[in-house]
């Protein structure tokens, strides 16, 4: 075990936008870590609430970036100093004061670890939607041998710099795009089985809006080959998966009908094993995801501008 002087500096890079509901708990959980070298960098997208005021109680390193999410994350990385970066969201809480020390040790577990990816769990007394989402998320992660890490991970700065950081043009999937490029350079991922608490997907409406945001952002990418690769990553959650020649719409439906549904059916054993009845709404959540992604990419492939685009756009605004 390394002593305090030998431990690397960890920079938590956190984008915010009207995050007053969660940012205080997030930063408090970071500050209470039994880890001697922590830096917190906040990149705010122009909040109209007390996000910045709350953040200033924990750090003076607060930057404004009203561009894409990828651009904001890169701004944070550029203004951080740690040899390890925590690419975290503002609605995440670290569960215990020794979490970070245990997580950092995973970089030494085996050769060439570049990413430490923790499991996620819903908060105590979370909604049935949030519990179902993370039950499925964790089942998918532990059922896949080549799972692709996303956000809320720790990563070494060396591979981050080698792949030139985030794609600043992306507003969704920027985390998976980064991780995919790091893994392609030969770096490995260590899964950390001590879950972080992720306060998201609280309602069916919030879940639906997230799917619309993802599908609309991905379908707006102009480079067809890059779009296909990123869609594949975001829908399969796997590194190196997918048929490079098939259109996105076909890939989405294949993935939904095979991997998602099969993993979901296996996961629904959780109803009997741990009496978590949130599994019962998994078919509803998968159906919403399939329909939204299918509509956007069928539109992209065949229909042009159509009524579905206008209806979904109206939903996002309201």
Foldseek 3Di string as FASTA:
>chain_A
DDDLVPDWAEEEEEEDAQLVVQQLQALVLVVLAPHDHYHYAYEYQDHPDCNVVSVVVRHPRYHYDNAAPLQSSVVSVVPDDTQKYFQAYSRWHADDNHRVVVQSCLVVVDPQAFKEAEQEAADPPFALQRRQVSLLVVLLVVVDPFFQGFHRMMGGVVLCVVLPHFDRNARPLRRSVSRLSSVVVVGDYHYDHRHIHGHARRDPLRLLLVLLVRLVRLLPDDPQQVSQQSLLCVQNSGHPDDDSPDFSLVSNVVSLVPVSVVSLVVSVCCCVVVVSCSSVCSVVSSVSNNVSNNVSRCCSVPNPDDPVVVVSVVSNVD
